[in-house]
Amino acid sequence: MTIKKIDKKWLVDIYPHGREGKRVRKKFDTRLEAQRYEKYVLNKSFDDKDWNPSKEDNRRLGELIDIWFQSHGRYLKGANPRLRTLKNLDIRLGSPIAKKISPTNYMLERSSRIESGVTAKTCNNELGYLNAIFNELERTQVITYSNPLKGVRPIKISEKELSWLTSEQIKELLSTLDKIGNEHVCLITRVCLSTGARWKEAEGLKAQHIKNGQVVFTDTKSKKNRAIPINEALFKQLETHMKTHGRFFDCIKSFRKYLKTTSIKLPQGQSSHVLRHSFASHFIMNGGNILTLQKILGHSTIIMTMRYAHLAPEHLAEAEKFNPLTKCSGRRKAKQYRVEAY
């Protein structure tokens, strides 16, 4: 019996979680009070996770990757390449139980990748992809545990030199492309230099995107449309091209090949973005507004656009005006003037 009378008191003596659990004993003056307490303890035990634990989640990382991709990942930009990256990462980690991924083991695997020649940027991207999966699945309650890699920090990377073309280099590039005569490369290059578009964005233009003296970019990285005005000559060239071809062909490899025939030397990996950087750099150097540039480039925050702020004329003028050597030079001149006057 769980309730019995001892010395004129009613004793509740129960094991609400079973014989292996905690024992509860308490005395009451009346049998009714003892019954109420017994009922309270038993009801409370059913809400206790120790008494009614959920089934342990032993799903492997690969299974969670599939769930994430079907419910969320496939709608992202570059969905399939990201899925391949995640599947390869799962294989390298040994297809672990997702909940039990060890941060230490992950970092050891990452170190091995770095030593084999993989860049820190690639490793950071992979970590970001995994974090996105765990955070999204936790948010949607597909998993009930926290991201096991939340304590792993990305590798710090030195900021790359931002390369852009001078006016002379732009003239050389356009002259070279015109001589080669690849219409697709010539026009896409001019579109990128005129609008700050990414190569893929310009390459994706079709006839319906050329209208009212503007080009409208729809397949963008931010998934937001951007309409940028262009000069009349380029607009007419694009109209003529679209009437003939209807679109642009994939030609980034041709652009890179033609670029190598010029005297222009760029850091590795910057050839496809140099036109966008050149537009932004010249825009700021010519007095353009940084907020306007943010909208033209399609940056979601001003932080990315601020990379070009140091090129503003007022910034350069202040650097020259307020640096310590200028002030020291001014004092020396003043002192010399007083001596000579004396």
C-alpha atoms as a PDB file:
ATOM      1  CA  MET A   1       0.000   0.000   0.000  1.00  0.00           C
ATOM      2  CA  THR A   2       1.161   3.516  -0.762  1.00  0.00           C
ATOM      3  CA  ILE A   3      -0.974   5.061   2.011  1.00  0.00           C
ATOM      4  CA  LYS A   4      -1.084   3.572   5.480  1.00  0.00           C
ATOM      5  CA  LYS A   5      -1.984   4.690   8.997  1.00  0.00           C
ATOM      6  CA  ILE A   6       0.858   4.936  11.496  1.00  0.00           C
ATOM      7  CA  ASP A   7       0.425   6.394  14.990  1.00  0.00           C
ATOM      8  CA  LYS A   8      -2.776   8.256  14.104  1.00  0.00           C
ATOM      9  CA  LYS A   9      -1.111   9.776  11.002  1.00  0.00           C
ATOM     10  CA  TRP A  10      -1.605   8.871   7.364  1.00  0.00           C
ATOM     11  CA  LEU A  11       1.706   8.136   5.636  1.00  0.00           C
ATOM     12  CA  VAL A  12       2.217   8.523   1.882  1.00  0.00           C
ATOM     13  CA  ASP A  13       5.091   6.243   0.847  1.00  0.00           C
ATOM     14  CA  ILE A  14       5.582   5.982  -2.926  1.00  0.00           C
ATOM     15  CA  TYR A  15       8.174   5.675  -5.695  1.00  0.00           C
ATOM     16  CA  PRO A  16       6.665   7.857  -8.478  1.00  0.00           C
ATOM     17  CA  HIS A  17       9.501   7.002 -10.910  1.00  0.00           C
ATOM     18  CA  GLY A  18       9.703   3.323 -10.022  1.00  0.00           C
ATOM     19  CA  ARG A  19      11.893   1.470  -7.541  1.00  0.00           C
ATOM     20  CA  GLU A  20      15.059   2.909  -9.108  1.00  0.00           C
ATOM     21  CA  GLY A  21      13.791   6.469  -8.656  1.00  0.00           C
ATOM     22  CA  LYS A  22      13.411   8.831  -5.752  1.00  0.00           C
ATOM     23  CA  ARG A  23      11.237   7.711  -2.792  1.00  0.00           C
ATOM     24  CA  VAL A  24       8.588  10.155  -1.511  1.00  0.00           C
ATOM     25  CA  ARG A  25       7.347   9.902   2.118  1.00  0.00           C
ATOM     26  CA  LYS A  26       5.070  12.358   3.888  1.00  0.00           C
ATOM     27  CA  LYS A  27       2.557  12.227   6.818  1.00  0.00           C
ATOM     28  CA  PHE A  28      -0.895  13.861   6.977  1.00  0.00           C
ATOM     29  CA  ASP A  29      -3.587  14.237   9.601  1.00  0.00           C
ATOM     30  CA  THR A  30      -6.357  12.848   7.398  1.00  0.00           C
ATOM     31  CA  ARG A  31      -6.640  10.122   4.799  1.00  0.00           C
ATOM     32  CA  LEU A  32      -8.182  12.593   2.288  1.00  0.00           C
ATOM     33  CA  GLU A  33      -5.125  14.872   2.487  1.00  0.00           C
ATOM     34  CA  ALA A  34      -2.836  11.906   1.932  1.00  0.00           C
ATOM     35  CA  GLN A  35      -4.814  10.799  -1.142  1.00  0.00           C
ATOM     36  CA  ARG A  36      -4.709  14.297  -2.624  1.00  0.00           C
ATOM     37  CA  TYR A  37      -0.957  14.496  -2.125  1.00  0.00           C
ATOM     38  CA  GLU A  38      -0.423  11.058  -3.646  1.00  0.00           C
ATOM     39  CA  LYS A  39      -2.401  12.096  -6.732  1.00  0.00           C
ATOM     40  CA  TYR A  40      -0.433  15.357  -7.003  1.00  0.00           C
ATOM     41  CA  VAL A  41       2.950  13.577  -6.878  1.00  0.00           C
ATOM     42  CA  LEU A  42       1.932  10.972  -9.451  1.00  0.00           C
ATOM     43  CA  ASN A  43       0.527  13.574 -11.877  1.00  0.00           C
ATOM     44  CA  LYS A  44       3.674  15.645 -11.545  1.00  0.00           C
ATOM     45  CA  SER A  45       5.851  12.632 -12.297  1.00  0.00           C
ATOM     46  CA  PHE A  46       4.178  12.115 -15.680  1.00  0.00           C
ATOM     47  CA  ASP A  47       5.329  15.599 -16.751  1.00  0.00           C
ATOM     48  CA  ASP A  48       8.874  14.900 -15.619  1.00  0.00           C
ATOM     49  CA  LYS A  49      11.273  14.190 -18.530  1.00  0.00           C
ATOM     50  CA  ASP A  50      13.197  11.740 -16.362  1.00  0.00           C
ATOM     51  CA  TRP A  51      10.022   9.694 -15.986  1.00  0.00           C
ATOM     52  CA  ASN A  52       8.866   9.956 -19.594  1.00  0.00           C
ATOM     53  CA  PRO A  53      12.006  10.585 -21.657  1.00  0.00           C
ATOM     54  CA  SER A  54      11.827  11.165 -25.398  1.00  0.00           C
ATOM     55  CA  LYS A  55      13.476   8.615 -27.647  1.00  0.00           C
ATOM     56  CA  GLU A  56      17.173   9.335 -28.149  1.00  0.00           C
ATOM     57  CA  ASP A  57      17.870  10.982 -31.507  1.00  0.00           C
ATOM     58  CA  ASN A  58      20.430   8.777 -33.256  1.00  0.00           C
ATOM     59  CA  ARG A  59      19.916  10.124 -36.760  1.00  0.00           C
ATOM     60  CA  ARG A  60      23.122  10.529 -38.710  1.00  0.00           C
ATOM     61  CA  LEU A  61      24.387  13.743 -40.239  1.00  0.00           C
ATOM     62  CA  GLY A  62      23.593  12.555 -43.768  1.00  0.00           C
ATOM     63  CA  GLU A  63      19.923  12.047 -42.863  1.00  0.00           C
ATOM     64  CA  LEU A  64      19.672  15.543 -41.383  1.00  0.00           C
ATOM     65  CA  ILE A  65      21.316  16.986 -44.494  1.00  0.00           C
ATOM     66  CA  ASP A  66      18.591  15.351 -46.614  1.00  0.00           C
ATOM     67  CA  ILE A  67      15.806  16.620 -44.340  1.00  0.00           C
ATOM     68  CA  TRP A  68      17.256  20.153 -44.362  1.00  0.00           C
ATOM     69  CA  PHE A  69      17.678  20.149 -48.135  1.00  0.00           C
ATOM     70  CA  GLN A  70      14.127  18.993 -48.864  1.00  0.00           C
ATOM     71  CA  SER A  71      12.513  21.443 -46.440  1.00  0.00           C
ATOM     72  CA  HIS A  72      14.772  24.470 -46.877  1.00  0.00           C
ATOM     73  CA  GLY A  73      18.088  24.087 -48.678  1.00  0.00           C
ATOM     74  CA  ARG A  74      16.783  23.467 -52.186  1.00  0.00           C
ATOM     75  CA  TYR A  75      15.277  26.957 -52.278  1.00  0.00           C
ATOM     76  CA  LEU A  76      18.636  28.654 -51.665  1.00  0.00           C
ATOM     77  CA  LYS A  77      20.927  30.119 -54.290  1.00  0.00           C
ATOM     78  CA  GLY A  78      23.493  27.511 -55.350  1.00  0.00           C
ATOM     79  CA  ALA A  79      21.514  24.738 -53.656  1.00  0.00           C
ATOM     80  CA  ASN A  80      22.941  21.739 -55.521  1.00  0.00           C
ATOM     81  CA  PRO A  81      26.642  22.688 -55.192  1.00  0.00           C
ATOM     82  CA  ARG A  82      26.060  23.249 -51.474  1.00  0.00           C
ATOM     83  CA  LEU A  83      24.401  19.844 -51.151  1.00  0.00           C
ATOM     84  CA  ARG A  84      27.403  18.174 -52.819  1.00  0.00           C
ATOM     85  CA  THR A  85      29.754  19.990 -50.435  1.00  0.00           C
ATOM     86  CA  LEU A  86      27.741  18.819 -47.425  1.00  0.00           C
ATOM     87  CA  LYS A  87      27.561  15.215 -48.630  1.00  0.00           C
ATOM     88  CA  ASN A  88      31.338  15.127 -49.137  1.00  0.00           C
ATOM     89  CA  LEU A  89      31.849  16.654 -45.699  1.00  0.00           C
ATOM     90  CA  ASP A  90      29.608  13.980 -44.155  1.00  0.00           C
ATOM     91  CA  ILE A  91      31.736  11.261 -45.782  1.00  0.00           C
ATOM     92  CA  ARG A  92      35.004  12.811 -44.545  1.00  0.00           C
ATOM     93  CA  LEU A  93      33.612  12.990 -40.999  1.00  0.00           C
ATOM     94  CA  GLY A  94      32.666   9.307 -41.160  1.00  0.00           C
ATOM     95  CA  SER A  95      28.860   9.758 -41.367  1.00  0.00           C
ATOM     96  CA  PRO A  96      28.586  10.447 -37.616  1.00  0.00           C
ATOM     97  CA  ILE A  97      25.478  10.535 -35.455  1.00  0.00           C
ATOM     98  CA  ALA A  98      24.670  14.222 -35.788  1.00  0.00           C
ATOM     99  CA  LYS A  99      24.027  14.822 -32.099  1.00  0.00           C
ATOM    100  CA  LYS A 100      27.409  13.341 -31.180  1.00  0.00           C
ATOM    101  CA  ILE A 101      29.648  15.237 -33.603  1.00  0.00           C
ATOM    102  CA  SER A 102      32.760  16.151 -31.643  1.00  0.00           C
ATOM    103  CA  PRO A 103      34.045  19.729 -32.042  1.00  0.00           C
ATOM    104  CA  THR A 104      37.564  18.402 -31.426  1.00  0.00           C
ATOM    105  CA  ASN A 105      37.293  15.798 -34.186  1.00  0.00           C
ATOM    106  CA  TYR A 106      35.816  18.365 -36.537  1.00  0.00           C
ATOM    107  CA  MET A 107      38.696  20.784 -35.933  1.00  0.00           C
ATOM    108  CA  LEU A 108      41.256  17.998 -36.438  1.00  0.00           C
ATOM    109  CA  GLU A 109      39.640  17.131 -39.766  1.00  0.00           C
ATOM    110  CA  ARG A 110      39.657  20.825 -40.691  1.00  0.00           C
ATOM    111  CA  SER A 111      43.357  21.125 -39.847  1.00  0.00           C
ATOM    112  CA  SER A 112      44.075  18.132 -42.053  1.00  0.00           C
ATOM    113  CA  ARG A 113      42.202  19.820 -44.889  1.00  0.00           C
ATOM    114  CA  ILE A 114      44.209  23.026 -44.490  1.00  0.00           C
ATOM    115  CA  GLU A 115      47.473  21.051 -44.571  1.00  0.00           C
ATOM    116  CA  SER A 116      46.370  19.347 -47.794  1.00  0.00           C
ATOM    117  CA  GLY A 117      46.003  22.717 -49.508  1.00  0.00           C
ATOM    118  CA  VAL A 118      42.324  23.550 -48.986  1.00  0.00           C
ATOM    119  CA  THR A 119      41.852  27.261 -48.298  1.00  0.00           C
ATOM    120  CA  ALA A 120      40.647  28.640 -44.976  1.00  0.00           C
ATOM    121  CA  LYS A 121      37.794  30.351 -46.838  1.00  0.00           C
ATOM    122  CA  THR A 122      36.528  26.979 -48.095  1.00  0.00           C
ATOM    123  CA  CYS A 123      36.704  25.505 -44.576  1.00  0.00           C
ATOM    124  CA  ASN A 124      34.819  28.487 -43.164  1.00  0.00           C
ATOM    125  CA  ASN A 125      32.128  28.037 -45.810  1.00  0.00           C
ATOM    126  CA  GLU A 126      31.725  24.385 -44.823  1.00  0.00           C
ATOM    127  CA  LEU A 127      31.397  25.281 -41.140  1.00  0.00           C
ATOM    128  CA  GLY A 128      28.829  27.922 -42.043  1.00  0.00           C
ATOM    129  CA  TYR A 129      26.820  25.372 -44.020  1.00  0.00           C
ATOM    130  CA  LEU A 130      26.765  22.927 -41.082  1.00  0.00           C
ATOM    131  CA  ASN A 131      25.795  25.657 -38.624  1.00  0.00           C
ATOM    132  CA  ALA A 132      22.959  26.697 -40.928  1.00  0.00           C
ATOM    133  CA  ILE A 133      21.613  23.124 -40.973  1.00  0.00           C
ATOM    134  CA  PHE A 134      21.622  22.649 -37.205  1.00  0.00           C
ATOM    135  CA  ASN A 135      20.207  26.115 -36.517  1.00  0.00           C
ATOM    136  CA  GLU A 136      17.395  25.714 -39.058  1.00  0.00           C
ATOM    137  CA  LEU A 137      16.437  22.221 -37.856  1.00  0.00           C
ATOM    138  CA  GLU A 138      16.485  23.345 -34.222  1.00  0.00           C
ATOM    139  CA  ARG A 139      14.353  26.385 -35.118  1.00  0.00           C
ATOM    140  CA  THR A 140      11.774  24.162 -36.825  1.00  0.00           C
ATOM    141  CA  GLN A 141      11.956  21.584 -33.981  1.00  0.00           C
ATOM    142  CA  VAL A 142      13.171  18.782 -36.226  1.00  0.00           C
ATOM    143  CA  ILE A 143      15.891  18.315 -33.599  1.00  0.00           C
ATOM    144  CA  THR A 144      15.607  19.078 -29.888  1.00  0.00           C
ATOM    145  CA  TYR A 145      19.300  19.592 -29.152  1.00  0.00           C
ATOM    146  CA  SER A 146      21.614  22.524 -29.771  1.00  0.00           C
ATOM    147  CA  ASN A 147      24.157  22.784 -32.560  1.00  0.00           C
ATOM    148  CA  PRO A 148      27.066  20.528 -31.474  1.00  0.00           C
ATOM    149  CA  LEU A 149      29.508  22.764 -33.400  1.00  0.00           C
ATOM    150  CA  LYS A 150      28.332  26.081 -31.957  1.00  0.00           C
ATOM    151  CA  GLY A 151      31.611  26.474 -30.052  1.00  0.00           C
ATOM    152  CA  VAL A 152      33.789  26.066 -33.163  1.00  0.00           C
ATOM    153  CA  ARG A 153      35.037  29.389 -34.463  1.00  0.00           C
ATOM    154  CA  PRO A 154      35.757  30.104 -38.131  1.00  0.00           C
ATOM    155  CA  ILE A 155      39.393  30.596 -39.104  1.00  0.00           C
ATOM    156  CA  LYS A 156      40.465  34.232 -39.145  1.00  0.00           C
ATOM    157  CA  ILE A 157      41.379  35.326 -42.662  1.00  0.00           C
ATOM    158  CA  SER A 158      43.355  38.391 -43.641  1.00  0.00           C
ATOM    159  CA  GLU A 159      41.309  40.738 -45.789  1.00  0.00           C
ATOM    160  CA  LYS A 160      42.198  40.357 -49.447  1.00  0.00           C
ATOM    161  CA  GLU A 161      43.536  43.228 -51.469  1.00  0.00           C
ATOM    162  CA  LEU A 162      40.643  44.700 -53.444  1.00  0.00           C
ATOM    163  CA  SER A 163      41.759  44.855 -57.066  1.00  0.00           C
ATOM    164  CA  TRP A 164      40.240  47.272 -59.551  1.00  0.00           C
ATOM    165  CA  LEU A 165      41.212  48.540 -62.992  1.00  0.00           C
ATOM    166  CA  THR A 166      42.526  52.016 -63.692  1.00  0.00           C
ATOM    167  CA  SER A 167      41.060  54.052 -66.564  1.00  0.00           C
ATOM    168  CA  GLU A 168      44.067  53.110 -68.723  1.00  0.00           C
ATOM    169  CA  GLN A 169      43.614  49.414 -67.944  1.00  0.00           C
ATOM    170  CA  ILE A 170      39.903  49.593 -68.779  1.00  0.00           C
ATOM    171  CA  LYS A 171      40.748  51.154 -72.147  1.00  0.00           C
ATOM    172  CA  GLU A 172      43.319  48.428 -72.811  1.00  0.00           C
ATOM    173  CA  LEU A 173      40.877  45.672 -71.857  1.00  0.00           C
ATOM    174  CA  LEU A 174      38.040  47.000 -74.025  1.00  0.00           C
ATOM    175  CA  SER A 175      40.385  47.562 -76.955  1.00  0.00           C
ATOM    176  CA  THR A 176      41.661  43.977 -76.681  1.00  0.00           C
ATOM    177  CA  LEU A 177      38.149  42.536 -76.502  1.00  0.00           C
ATOM    178  CA  ASP A 178      36.956  44.606 -79.466  1.00  0.00           C
ATOM    179  CA  LYS A 179      39.848  43.307 -81.569  1.00  0.00           C
ATOM    180  CA  ILE A 180      39.053  39.700 -80.645  1.00  0.00           C
ATOM    181  CA  GLY A 181      35.432  40.288 -81.602  1.00  0.00           C
ATOM    182  CA  ASN A 182      33.554  37.992 -79.191  1.00  0.00           C
ATOM    183  CA  GLU A 183      30.294  39.953 -78.988  1.00  0.00           C
ATOM    184  CA  HIS A 184      29.070  38.180 -75.853  1.00  0.00           C
ATOM    185  CA  VAL A 185      32.261  38.887 -73.891  1.00  0.00           C
ATOM    186  CA  CYS A 186      32.449  42.498 -75.140  1.00  0.00           C
ATOM    187  CA  LEU A 187      28.879  43.359 -74.143  1.00  0.00           C
ATOM    188  CA  ILE A 188      28.884  41.565 -70.783  1.00  0.00           C
ATOM    189  CA  THR A 189      32.143  43.327 -69.881  1.00  0.00           C
ATOM    190  CA  ARG A 190      30.608  46.710 -70.725  1.00  0.00           C
ATOM    191  CA  VAL A 191      27.443  45.905 -68.770  1.00  0.00           C
ATOM    192  CA  CYS A 192      29.492  44.979 -65.676  1.00  0.00           C
ATOM    193  CA  LEU A 193      31.612  48.130 -65.940  1.00  0.00           C
ATOM    194  CA  SER A 194      28.494  50.277 -66.430  1.00  0.00           C
ATOM    195  CA  THR A 195      26.328  48.791 -63.679  1.00  0.00           C
ATOM    196  CA  GLY A 196      28.565  47.011 -61.160  1.00  0.00           C
ATOM    197  CA  ALA A 197      26.786  43.732 -61.903  1.00  0.00           C
ATOM    198  CA  ARG A 198      28.307  40.361 -61.142  1.00  0.00           C
ATOM    199  CA  TRP A 199      29.335  38.471 -64.272  1.00  0.00           C
ATOM    200  CA  LYS A 200      26.623  35.821 -63.767  1.00  0.00           C
ATOM    201  CA  GLU A 201      23.970  38.510 -63.327  1.00  0.00           C
ATOM    202  CA  ALA A 202      24.937  40.203 -66.599  1.00  0.00           C
ATOM    203  CA  GLU A 203      25.275  36.867 -68.369  1.00  0.00           C
ATOM    204  CA  GLY A 204      21.707  35.999 -67.347  1.00  0.00           C
ATOM    205  CA  LEU A 205      20.135  39.022 -69.054  1.00  0.00           C
ATOM    206  CA  LYS A 206      17.461  38.384 -71.684  1.00  0.00           C
ATOM    207  CA  ALA A 207      15.525  40.627 -74.075  1.00  0.00           C
ATOM    208  CA  GLN A 208      12.788  41.389 -71.524  1.00  0.00           C
ATOM    209  CA  HIS A 209      15.401  42.751 -69.111  1.00  0.00           C
ATOM    210  CA  ILE A 210      16.510  45.514 -71.504  1.00  0.00           C
ATOM    211  CA  LYS A 211      13.919  48.294 -71.401  1.00  0.00           C
ATOM    212  CA  ASN A 212      13.384  52.026 -70.816  1.00  0.00           C
ATOM    213  CA  GLY A 213      17.101  52.793 -70.948  1.00  0.00           C
ATOM    214  CA  GLN A 214      17.764  50.342 -68.117  1.00  0.00           C
ATOM    215  CA  VAL A 215      18.919  46.801 -67.508  1.00  0.00           C
ATOM    216  CA  VAL A 216      16.968  44.821 -64.920  1.00  0.00           C
ATOM    217  CA  PHE A 217      18.856  42.118 -63.031  1.00  0.00           C
ATOM    218  CA  THR A 218      16.514  39.431 -61.711  1.00  0.00           C
ATOM    219  CA  ASP A 219      18.602  36.339 -60.960  1.00  0.00           C
ATOM    220  CA  THR A 220      20.666  38.060 -58.256  1.00  0.00           C
ATOM    221  CA  LYS A 221      22.597  36.778 -55.256  1.00  0.00           C
ATOM    222  CA  SER A 222      20.257  38.588 -52.840  1.00  0.00           C
ATOM    223  CA  LYS A 223      17.184  37.418 -54.841  1.00  0.00           C
ATOM    224  CA  LYS A 224      16.102  41.066 -55.155  1.00  0.00           C
ATOM    225  CA  ASN A 225      15.654  42.697 -58.545  1.00  0.00           C
ATOM    226  CA  ARG A 226      17.825  45.693 -59.449  1.00  0.00           C
ATOM    227  CA  ALA A 227      17.168  48.175 -62.278  1.00  0.00           C
ATOM    228  CA  ILE A 228      20.228  50.208 -63.347  1.00  0.00           C
ATOM    229  CA  PRO A 229      20.213  52.928 -66.059  1.00  0.00           C
ATOM    230  CA  ILE A 230      22.819  52.700 -68.833  1.00  0.00           C
ATOM    231  CA  ASN A 231      23.949  55.059 -71.588  1.00  0.00           C
ATOM    232  CA  GLU A 232      22.094  55.155 -74.895  1.00  0.00           C
ATOM    233  CA  ALA A 233      24.901  53.611 -76.962  1.00  0.00           C
ATOM    234  CA  LEU A 234      25.149  50.504 -74.757  1.00  0.00           C
ATOM    235  CA  PHE A 235      21.357  50.235 -74.580  1.00  0.00           C
ATOM    236  CA  LYS A 236      21.113  50.117 -78.391  1.00  0.00           C
ATOM    237  CA  GLN A 237      23.931  47.555 -78.606  1.00  0.00           C
ATOM    238  CA  LEU A 238      22.101  45.328 -76.138  1.00  0.00           C
ATOM    239  CA  GLU A 239      18.804  45.686 -77.992  1.00  0.00           C
ATOM    240  CA  THR A 240      20.467  44.694 -81.264  1.00  0.00           C
ATOM    241  CA  HIS A 241      22.214  41.736 -79.625  1.00  0.00           C
ATOM    242  CA  MET A 242      19.005  40.461 -78.031  1.00  0.00           C
ATOM    243  CA  LYS A 243      17.097  40.683 -81.321  1.00  0.00           C
ATOM    244  CA  THR A 244      19.736  38.446 -82.892  1.00  0.00           C
ATOM    245  CA  HIS A 245      20.605  36.033 -80.066  1.00  0.00           C
ATOM    246  CA  GLY A 246      17.888  36.489 -77.420  1.00  0.00           C
ATOM    247  CA  ARG A 247      20.400  35.936 -74.623  1.00  0.00           C
ATOM    248  CA  PHE A 248      24.093  35.723 -73.719  1.00  0.00           C
ATOM    249  CA  PHE A 249      26.140  32.541 -73.900  1.00  0.00           C
ATOM    250  CA  ASP A 250      28.304  31.245 -71.037  1.00  0.00           C
ATOM    251  CA  CYS A 251      31.624  32.970 -71.673  1.00  0.00           C
ATOM    252  CA  ILE A 252      33.431  33.646 -68.375  1.00  0.00           C
ATOM    253  CA  LYS A 253      36.232  31.253 -69.387  1.00  0.00           C
ATOM    254  CA  SER A 254      36.708  33.200 -72.617  1.00  0.00           C
ATOM    255  CA  PHE A 255      36.877  36.467 -70.659  1.00  0.00           C
ATOM    256  CA  ARG A 256      39.586  35.071 -68.382  1.00  0.00           C
ATOM    257  CA  LYS A 257      41.545  33.817 -71.381  1.00  0.00           C
ATOM    258  CA  TYR A 258      41.349  37.197 -73.141  1.00  0.00           C
ATOM    259  CA  LEU A 259      42.279  39.041 -69.931  1.00  0.00           C
ATOM    260  CA  LYS A 260      45.534  37.074 -69.787  1.00  0.00           C
ATOM    261  CA  THR A 261      46.528  38.480 -73.194  1.00  0.00           C
ATOM    262  CA  THR A 262      46.633  42.009 -71.742  1.00  0.00           C
ATOM    263  CA  SER A 263      49.273  43.576 -69.492  1.00  0.00           C
ATOM    264  CA  ILE A 264      46.809  43.539 -66.573  1.00  0.00           C
ATOM    265  CA  LYS A 265      47.938  41.387 -63.623  1.00  0.00           C
ATOM    266  CA  LEU A 266      45.458  40.476 -60.893  1.00  0.00           C
ATOM    267  CA  PRO A 267      45.603  38.438 -57.655  1.00  0.00           C
ATOM    268  CA  GLN A 268      44.433  34.849 -58.078  1.00  0.00           C
ATOM    269  CA  GLY A 269      40.669  34.418 -58.105  1.00  0.00           C
ATOM    270  CA  GLN A 270      39.730  38.047 -58.742  1.00  0.00           C
ATOM    271  CA  SER A 271      39.308  38.109 -62.512  1.00  0.00           C
ATOM    272  CA  SER A 272      35.536  37.549 -62.515  1.00  0.00           C
ATOM    273  CA  HIS A 273      34.888  40.216 -59.867  1.00  0.00           C
ATOM    274  CA  VAL A 274      37.391  42.843 -61.014  1.00  0.00           C
ATOM    275  CA  LEU A 275      34.804  44.565 -63.229  1.00  0.00           C
ATOM    276  CA  ARG A 276      32.368  44.944 -60.322  1.00  0.00           C
ATOM    277  CA  HIS A 277      35.148  46.265 -58.077  1.00  0.00           C
ATOM    278  CA  SER A 278      36.252  48.652 -60.822  1.00  0.00           C
ATOM    279  CA  PHE A 279      32.747  50.103 -61.172  1.00  0.00           C
ATOM    280  CA  ALA A 280      32.409  50.596 -57.410  1.00  0.00           C
ATOM    281  CA  SER A 281      35.892  52.084 -57.003  1.00  0.00           C
ATOM    282  CA  HIS A 282      35.488  54.610 -59.830  1.00  0.00           C
ATOM    283  CA  PHE A 283      31.962  55.453 -58.638  1.00  0.00           C
ATOM    284  CA  ILE A 284      33.311  56.489 -55.225  1.00  0.00           C
ATOM    285  CA  MET A 285      36.455  58.176 -56.590  1.00  0.00           C
ATOM    286  CA  ASN A 286      34.272  60.290 -58.872  1.00  0.00           C
ATOM    287  CA  GLY A 287      32.230  61.533 -55.913  1.00  0.00           C
ATOM    288  CA  GLY A 288      29.340  59.018 -55.872  1.00  0.00           C
ATOM    289  CA  ASN A 289      27.281  58.519 -52.714  1.00  0.00           C
ATOM    290  CA  ILE A 290      28.077  55.407 -50.661  1.00  0.00           C
ATOM    291  CA  LEU A 291      24.377  54.696 -49.937  1.00  0.00           C
ATOM    292  CA  THR A 292      23.523  54.948 -53.627  1.00  0.00           C
ATOM    293  CA  LEU A 293      26.362  52.531 -54.371  1.00  0.00           C
ATOM    294  CA  GLN A 294      24.944  50.078 -51.835  1.00  0.00           C
ATOM    295  CA  LYS A 295      21.625  50.015 -53.712  1.00  0.00           C
ATOM    296  CA  ILE A 296      23.297  49.709 -57.117  1.00  0.00           C
ATOM    297  CA  LEU A 297      25.452  46.774 -55.999  1.00  0.00           C
ATOM    298  CA  GLY A 298      22.557  45.109 -54.163  1.00  0.00           C
ATOM    299  CA  HIS A 299      24.349  44.801 -50.814  1.00  0.00           C
ATOM    300  CA  SER A 300      21.939  43.915 -47.999  1.00  0.00           C
ATOM    301  CA  THR A 301      23.992  45.926 -45.497  1.00  0.00           C
ATOM    302  CA  ILE A 302      26.307  48.923 -45.792  1.00  0.00           C
ATOM    303  CA  ILE A 303      29.206  46.934 -44.305  1.00  0.00           C
ATOM    304  CA  MET A 304      30.197  45.342 -47.626  1.00  0.00           C
ATOM    305  CA  THR A 305      29.906  48.656 -49.467  1.00  0.00           C
ATOM    306  CA  MET A 306      32.155  50.398 -46.938  1.00  0.00           C
ATOM    307  CA  ARG A 307      35.121  48.545 -48.461  1.00  0.00           C
ATOM    308  CA  TYR A 308      35.173  51.274 -51.097  1.00  0.00           C
ATOM    309  CA  ALA A 309      34.702  54.257 -48.755  1.00  0.00           C
ATOM    310  CA  HIS A 310      38.444  54.904 -48.407  1.00  0.00           C
ATOM    311  CA  LEU A 311      38.562  55.844 -52.102  1.00  0.00           C
ATOM    312  CA  ALA A 312      36.256  58.850 -51.667  1.00  0.00           C
ATOM    313  CA  PRO A 313      37.954  62.168 -52.638  1.00  0.00           C
ATOM    314  CA  GLU A 314      37.115  63.758 -49.283  1.00  0.00           C
ATOM    315  CA  HIS A 315      38.635  60.775 -47.476  1.00  0.00           C
ATOM    316  CA  LEU A 316      41.867  61.090 -49.446  1.00  0.00           C
ATOM    317  CA  ALA A 317      41.969  64.858 -48.972  1.00  0.00           C
ATOM    318  CA  GLU A 318      41.532  64.508 -45.207  1.00  0.00           C
ATOM    319  CA  ALA A 319      44.248  61.846 -45.068  1.00  0.00           C
ATOM    320  CA  GLU A 320      46.654  64.301 -46.661  1.00  0.00           C
ATOM    321  CA  LYS A 321      45.457  67.281 -44.647  1.00  0.00           C
ATOM    322  CA  PHE A 322      45.363  65.743 -41.177  1.00  0.00           C
ATOM    323  CA  ASN A 323      48.282  63.317 -41.135  1.00  0.00           C
ATOM    324  CA  PRO A 324      50.993  64.124 -38.520  1.00  0.00           C
ATOM    325  CA  LEU A 325      53.738  64.797 -41.077  1.00  0.00           C
ATOM    326  CA  THR A 326      51.693  67.575 -42.657  1.00  0.00           C
ATOM    327  CA  LYS A 327      51.319  69.264 -39.277  1.00  0.00           C
ATOM    328  CA  CYS A 328      54.999  68.828 -38.426  1.00  0.00           C
ATOM    329  CA  SER A 329      55.956  70.247 -41.793  1.00  0.00           C
ATOM    330  CA  GLY A 330      53.679  73.220 -41.160  1.00  0.00           C
ATOM    331  CA  ARG A 331      55.305  73.954 -37.788  1.00  0.00           C
ATOM    332  CA  ARG A 332      58.808  73.844 -39.257  1.00  0.00           C
ATOM    333  CA  LYS A 333      57.864  76.288 -41.959  1.00  0.00           C
ATOM    334  CA  ALA A 334      56.339  78.646 -39.423  1.00  0.00           C
ATOM    335  CA  LYS A 335      59.423  78.492 -37.250  1.00  0.00           C
ATOM    336  CA  GLN A 336      61.726  79.176 -40.185  1.00  0.00           C
ATOM    337  CA  TYR A 337      59.573  82.117 -41.214  1.00  0.00           C
ATOM    338  CA  ARG A 338      59.834  83.679 -37.746  1.00  0.00           C
ATOM    339  CA  VAL A 339      63.602  83.296 -37.684  1.00  0.00           C
ATOM    340  CA  GLU A 340      63.973  84.886 -41.090  1.00  0.00           C
ATOM    341  CA  ALA A 341      61.677  87.764 -40.124  1.00  0.00           C
ATOM    342  CA  TYR A 342      63.619  88.364 -36.961  1.00  0.00           C
END
